[in-house]
Protein backbone atom coordinates (compact mmCIF):
# COMPACT_ATOMS: atom_id res chain seq x y z
CA MET A 1 -10.67 25.86 -1.78
CA GLY A 2 -12.95 23.57 -3.77
CA CYS A 3 -13.49 19.69 -3.09
CA THR A 4 -14.38 16.63 -5.26
CA VAL A 5 -16.41 13.60 -3.83
CA TYR A 6 -15.87 10.91 -6.28
CA VAL A 7 -17.11 7.15 -6.73
CA LEU A 8 -14.67 4.50 -8.06
CA LYS A 9 -15.14 0.85 -8.97
CA SER A 10 -12.49 -1.49 -8.56
CA LEU A 11 -12.20 -3.92 -11.88
CA LYS A 12 -10.66 -6.47 -9.75
CA ASP A 13 -13.38 -7.06 -7.07
CA GLU A 14 -16.06 -4.68 -8.51
CA LYS A 15 -16.52 -2.93 -5.03
CA LEU A 16 -16.98 1.13 -5.03
CA TYR A 17 -15.02 3.42 -3.02
CA ILE A 18 -16.33 6.92 -1.93
CA GLY A 19 -13.76 9.49 -1.25
CA MET A 20 -13.20 13.34 -1.34
CA THR A 21 -10.25 15.14 -2.34
CA ASP A 22 -9.23 18.91 -3.10
CA ASN A 23 -7.36 17.68 -6.25
CA LEU A 24 -9.10 14.74 -8.44
CA GLU A 25 -6.42 14.10 -10.81
CA ARG A 26 -3.88 13.68 -8.25
CA ARG A 27 -5.84 11.70 -5.95
CA LEU A 28 -6.95 9.34 -8.98
CA ASN A 29 -3.51 8.96 -9.71
CA GLU A 30 -2.66 7.84 -6.28
CA HIS A 31 -5.35 5.30 -6.23
CA SER A 32 -4.28 3.92 -9.47
CA ASN A 33 -0.23 3.55 -8.63
CA GLY A 34 -1.06 1.84 -5.19
CA LYS A 35 -0.42 4.80 -3.14
CA VAL A 36 -3.68 4.65 -1.31
CA HIS A 37 -3.33 2.01 1.70
CA SER A 38 -7.05 1.10 1.38
CA THR A 39 -7.40 0.89 -2.05
CA LYS A 40 -3.91 -0.42 -3.03
CA ASN A 41 -4.82 -4.24 -3.31
CA ARG A 42 -8.05 -3.37 -5.43
CA ILE A 43 -6.43 -1.74 -8.41
CA PRO A 44 -7.29 -1.08 -11.44
CA PHE A 45 -10.04 1.32 -11.06
CA VAL A 46 -12.58 3.72 -13.03
CA LEU A 47 -14.12 6.79 -12.08
CA LEU A 48 -18.00 6.17 -11.98
CA TYR A 49 -19.35 9.71 -10.77
CA HIS A 50 -17.92 12.95 -9.07
CA GLU A 51 -19.22 16.12 -7.57
CA ASP A 52 -17.79 19.25 -7.31
CA PHE A 53 -18.16 21.76 -4.11
CA PRO A 54 -16.96 24.92 -3.03
CA ASN A 55 -15.34 23.84 0.20
CA ARG A 56 -14.41 20.94 2.36
CA LYS A 57 -17.37 20.98 4.76
CA GLU A 58 -19.89 20.70 1.90
CA ALA A 59 -17.96 18.18 0.12
CA SER A 60 -17.70 16.13 3.74
CA ARG A 61 -21.41 16.45 3.98
CA ARG A 62 -21.91 14.76 0.72
CA GLU A 63 -19.48 12.18 1.08
CA ILE A 64 -21.14 10.90 4.60
CA PHE A 65 -24.62 10.91 2.84
CA LEU A 66 -23.25 9.07 0.02
CA LYS A 67 -22.13 6.29 2.30
CA SER A 68 -25.52 6.21 4.02
CA GLY A 69 -28.45 3.87 2.96
CA ALA A 70 -30.07 6.81 1.38
CA GLY A 71 -26.65 7.77 -0.49
CA HIS A 72 -26.55 4.10 -1.52
CA LYS A 73 -29.83 4.10 -2.95
CA PHE A 74 -28.97 7.26 -4.82
CA LEU A 75 -25.61 5.82 -6.16
CA LYS A 76 -27.88 2.54 -7.55
CA ASP A 77 -30.33 4.70 -9.35
CA LYS A 78 -27.74 7.15 -10.40
CA LEU A 79 -25.31 4.68 -11.57
CA ASN A 80 -27.65 1.76 -12.40
CA CYS A 81 -25.79 -0.71 -10.62
CA ASP A 82 -26.33 -3.59 -7.93
CA ASN A 83 -23.52 -3.64 -5.93
CA ILE A 84 -23.84 -0.42 -3.92
CA GLU A 85 -23.55 -2.44 -0.31
CA ASN A 86 -19.62 -3.22 -1.15
CA VAL A 87 -18.99 0.65 -0.82
CA GLU A 88 -15.84 1.28 1.13
CA ASN A 89 -16.73 3.30 4.24
CA LYS A 90 -13.59 5.22 4.42
CA SER A 91 -12.52 8.71 3.14
CA GLY A 92 -10.19 9.32 0.34
CA LEU A 93 -9.05 12.02 1.86
CA LYS A 94 -5.69 11.74 4.01
């Protein structure tokens, strides 16, 4: 089953959240409706970036990378933003 790694930006505090899911549309709705414990006090969100993977193992590797220093640099360059140090270090998949 495929998985998606995604990056959200909170419009409330401008911090980023990196997570992964097997259903991006459902997961975005959960974030937007305050059903995700780690982000419920930070809504609303915008989806900044996502990557699709053929399986959870590959998605998990990418999620871990994006949460690393090198991953933060990649996102900063890719998204042209300065607040990568504010990335939440929690998975979006429960």
